[in-house]
Amino acid sequence: MTKEVKSQPNNPAAPRKQGGLNAEIQSRIGHQLRAMYDDVVRQGVPDRFAELIRKLDGPDAAAQIDPTAKNDGRD
């Protein structure tokens, strides 16, 4: 015979949530991520990547990547 074991919240009076993080934890994670990646964001996008993005965003991007590719309308 098996018993189902349900996890109990730390505060039994608190309403039970189905997953997710509370606002305080989300805020802490956000601050830590910003601190970790702030230097990367400040570096900006290298010119060669910016040029590639401009080419890919252009109206004839598919033809530039693969001239034999046909547009089948699945955008």
N, C-alpha and C. Protein backbone atom coordinates (compact mmCIF):
# COMPACT_ATOMS: atom_id res chain seq x y z
N MET A 1 0.84 -1.17 0.00
CA MET A 1 0.00 0.00 0.00
C MET A 1 0.89 1.24 0.00
N THR A 2 0.61 2.20 -0.91
CA THR A 2 1.42 3.42 -0.98
C THR A 2 0.61 4.60 -0.52
N LYS A 3 1.30 5.55 0.06
CA LYS A 3 0.67 6.78 0.51
C LYS A 3 1.15 7.93 -0.35
N GLU A 4 0.26 8.83 -0.68
CA GLU A 4 0.65 10.03 -1.38
C GLU A 4 1.15 11.02 -0.36
N VAL A 5 2.31 11.59 -0.63
CA VAL A 5 2.86 12.59 0.27
C VAL A 5 2.81 13.93 -0.44
N LYS A 6 2.12 14.87 0.16
CA LYS A 6 2.02 16.21 -0.41
C LYS A 6 2.93 17.13 0.37
N SER A 7 3.62 18.00 -0.37
CA SER A 7 4.50 18.94 0.31
C SER A 7 3.67 19.97 1.05
N GLN A 8 4.11 20.32 2.21
CA GLN A 8 3.41 21.30 3.04
C GLN A 8 4.15 22.63 2.96
N PRO A 9 3.44 23.74 2.81
CA PRO A 9 4.11 25.04 2.79
C PRO A 9 4.69 25.35 4.16
N ASN A 10 5.70 26.23 4.20
CA ASN A 10 6.32 26.61 5.47
C ASN A 10 5.33 27.29 6.40
N ASN A 11 4.42 28.05 5.83
CA ASN A 11 3.41 28.75 6.62
C ASN A 11 2.06 28.15 6.26
N PRO A 12 1.52 27.30 7.10
CA PRO A 12 0.26 26.64 6.77
C PRO A 12 -0.91 27.60 6.59
N ALA A 13 -0.83 28.81 7.17
CA ALA A 13 -1.92 29.78 7.03
C ALA A 13 -1.88 30.47 5.67
N ALA A 14 -0.73 30.43 5.00
CA ALA A 14 -0.59 31.10 3.71
C ALA A 14 -1.33 30.31 2.64
N PRO A 15 -1.90 31.02 1.67
CA PRO A 15 -2.59 30.31 0.57
C PRO A 15 -1.58 29.54 -0.27
N ARG A 16 -1.97 28.37 -0.75
CA ARG A 16 -1.08 27.53 -1.55
C ARG A 16 -1.07 28.02 -2.98
N LYS A 17 0.11 28.06 -3.55
CA LYS A 17 0.29 28.44 -4.94
C LYS A 17 0.72 27.22 -5.72
N GLN A 18 0.39 27.20 -6.98
CA GLN A 18 0.85 26.14 -7.86
C GLN A 18 2.10 26.66 -8.58
N GLY A 19 3.27 26.42 -8.02
CA GLY A 19 4.52 26.83 -8.65
C GLY A 19 4.70 28.33 -8.65
N GLY A 20 5.74 28.78 -9.32
CA GLY A 20 5.99 30.20 -9.44
C GLY A 20 6.83 30.73 -8.29
N LEU A 21 7.35 31.92 -8.48
CA LEU A 21 8.17 32.57 -7.47
C LEU A 21 7.48 33.84 -7.03
N ASN A 22 7.62 34.17 -5.75
CA ASN A 22 6.98 35.39 -5.29
C ASN A 22 7.76 36.61 -5.80
N ALA A 23 7.18 37.78 -5.65
CA ALA A 23 7.75 39.01 -6.20
C ALA A 23 9.13 39.32 -5.63
N GLU A 24 9.34 39.06 -4.36
CA GLU A 24 10.64 39.35 -3.74
C GLU A 24 11.74 38.49 -4.35
N ILE A 25 11.47 37.22 -4.54
CA ILE A 25 12.47 36.33 -5.13
C ILE A 25 12.73 36.72 -6.59
N GLN A 26 11.69 37.04 -7.33
CA GLN A 26 11.86 37.47 -8.71
C GLN A 26 12.72 38.74 -8.78
N SER A 27 12.48 39.66 -7.86
CA SER A 27 13.25 40.90 -7.82
C SER A 27 14.72 40.63 -7.52
N ARG A 28 14.99 39.76 -6.56
CA ARG A 28 16.38 39.42 -6.23
C ARG A 28 17.09 38.77 -7.41
N ILE A 29 16.41 37.86 -8.07
CA ILE A 29 17.00 37.20 -9.25
C ILE A 29 17.29 38.23 -10.33
N GLY A 30 16.35 39.14 -10.55
CA GLY A 30 16.53 40.19 -11.54
C GLY A 30 17.74 41.06 -11.25
N HIS A 31 17.89 41.47 -9.99
CA HIS A 31 19.04 42.30 -9.61
C HIS A 31 20.35 41.54 -9.81
N GLN A 32 20.37 40.27 -9.45
CA GLN A 32 21.60 39.48 -9.60
C GLN A 32 21.95 39.28 -11.08
N LEU A 33 20.95 39.02 -11.90
CA LEU A 33 21.21 38.85 -13.33
C LEU A 33 21.72 40.14 -13.95
N ARG A 34 21.09 41.28 -13.57
CA ARG A 34 21.56 42.56 -14.10
C ARG A 34 23.00 42.82 -13.69
N ALA A 35 23.35 42.53 -12.45
CA ALA A 35 24.72 42.73 -11.98
C ALA A 35 25.70 41.85 -12.76
N MET A 36 25.31 40.61 -13.03
CA MET A 36 26.19 39.68 -13.73
C MET A 36 26.39 40.08 -15.19
N TYR A 37 25.34 40.55 -15.85
CA TYR A 37 25.40 40.79 -17.29
C TYR A 37 25.50 42.26 -17.66
N ASP A 38 25.67 43.14 -16.68
CA ASP A 38 25.75 44.57 -16.96
C ASP A 38 26.93 44.90 -17.87
N ASP A 39 28.09 44.29 -17.62
CA ASP A 39 29.26 44.54 -18.46
C ASP A 39 29.01 44.10 -19.89
N VAL A 40 28.37 42.98 -20.07
CA VAL A 40 28.09 42.46 -21.41
C VAL A 40 27.17 43.42 -22.16
N VAL A 41 26.17 43.93 -21.48
CA VAL A 41 25.22 44.85 -22.11
C VAL A 41 25.92 46.14 -22.51
N ARG A 42 26.82 46.63 -21.66
CA ARG A 42 27.53 47.89 -21.95
C ARG A 42 28.48 47.76 -23.13
N GLN A 43 28.93 46.55 -23.44
CA GLN A 43 29.86 46.37 -24.55
C GLN A 43 29.20 46.68 -25.89
N GLY A 44 27.91 46.52 -25.98
CA GLY A 44 27.22 46.77 -27.23
C GLY A 44 27.39 45.63 -28.22
N VAL A 45 26.87 45.85 -29.41
CA VAL A 45 26.93 44.84 -30.47
C VAL A 45 28.09 45.19 -31.40
N PRO A 46 28.99 44.25 -31.65
CA PRO A 46 30.09 44.51 -32.59
C PRO A 46 29.54 44.88 -33.97
N ASP A 47 30.29 45.73 -34.68
CA ASP A 47 29.84 46.21 -35.99
C ASP A 47 29.53 45.08 -36.95
N ARG A 48 30.33 44.02 -36.94
CA ARG A 48 30.08 42.92 -37.89
C ARG A 48 28.76 42.22 -37.60
N PHE A 49 28.37 42.12 -36.30
CA PHE A 49 27.09 41.51 -35.96
C PHE A 49 25.94 42.44 -36.35
N ALA A 50 26.12 43.73 -36.12
CA ALA A 50 25.08 44.70 -36.48
C ALA A 50 24.83 44.67 -37.99
N GLU A 51 25.90 44.57 -38.78
CA GLU A 51 25.74 44.49 -40.24
C GLU A 51 25.02 43.21 -40.64
N LEU A 52 25.36 42.10 -40.02
CA LEU A 52 24.69 40.83 -40.31
C LEU A 52 23.20 40.91 -39.98
N ILE A 53 22.88 41.51 -38.85
CA ILE A 53 21.47 41.66 -38.45
C ILE A 53 20.73 42.52 -39.47
N ARG A 54 21.37 43.62 -39.92
CA ARG A 54 20.73 44.47 -40.94
C ARG A 54 20.44 43.67 -42.21
N LYS A 55 21.40 42.83 -42.60
CA LYS A 55 21.20 42.01 -43.80
C LYS A 55 20.06 41.01 -43.60
N LEU A 56 20.03 40.40 -42.44
CA LEU A 56 18.99 39.40 -42.19
C LEU A 56 17.61 40.03 -42.07
N ASP A 57 17.54 41.27 -41.63
CA ASP A 57 16.25 41.95 -41.51
C ASP A 57 15.78 42.56 -42.82
N GLY A 58 16.63 42.57 -43.83
CA GLY A 58 16.29 43.19 -45.10
C GLY A 58 15.20 42.42 -45.83
N PRO A 59 14.57 43.07 -46.82
CA PRO A 59 13.45 42.44 -47.54
C PRO A 59 13.84 41.21 -48.35
N ASP A 60 15.08 41.15 -48.79
CA ASP A 60 15.51 40.00 -49.58
C ASP A 60 16.49 39.13 -48.80
N ALA A 61 16.29 39.02 -47.49
CA ALA A 61 17.20 38.29 -46.61
C ALA A 61 17.31 36.82 -47.01
N ALA A 62 16.22 36.17 -47.33
CA ALA A 62 16.25 34.74 -47.68
C ALA A 62 17.08 34.52 -48.94
N ALA A 63 16.96 35.41 -49.90
CA ALA A 63 17.71 35.27 -51.14
C ALA A 63 19.20 35.48 -50.90
N GLN A 64 19.56 36.35 -49.95
CA GLN A 64 20.97 36.58 -49.65
C GLN A 64 21.58 35.37 -48.96
N ILE A 65 20.80 34.70 -48.12
CA ILE A 65 21.32 33.55 -47.40
C ILE A 65 21.40 32.35 -48.32
N ASP A 66 20.32 32.04 -49.02
CA ASP A 66 20.26 30.90 -49.94
C ASP A 66 19.51 31.33 -51.19
N PRO A 67 20.24 31.71 -52.23
CA PRO A 67 19.58 32.19 -53.45
C PRO A 67 18.65 31.17 -54.09
N THR A 68 18.81 29.88 -53.78
CA THR A 68 17.95 28.86 -54.37
C THR A 68 16.66 28.66 -53.56
N ALA A 69 16.60 29.27 -52.36
CA ALA A 69 15.41 29.11 -51.50
C ALA A 69 14.23 29.84 -52.11
N LYS A 70 13.08 29.22 -52.01
CA LYS A 70 11.83 29.82 -52.51
C LYS A 70 10.98 30.22 -51.31
N ASN A 71 10.30 31.33 -51.43
CA ASN A 71 9.41 31.79 -50.37
C ASN A 71 8.09 31.05 -50.50
N ASP A 72 7.80 30.20 -49.51
CA ASP A 72 6.56 29.42 -49.57
C ASP A 72 5.45 30.07 -48.74
N GLY A 73 5.69 31.31 -48.24
CA GLY A 73 4.66 32.01 -47.49
C GLY A 73 4.60 31.66 -46.02
N ARG A 74 5.51 30.85 -45.52
CA ARG A 74 5.49 30.48 -44.10
C ARG A 74 6.40 31.41 -43.32
N ASP A 75 5.97 32.61 -43.06
CA ASP A 75 6.77 33.60 -42.31
C ASP A 75 6.50 33.50 -40.85
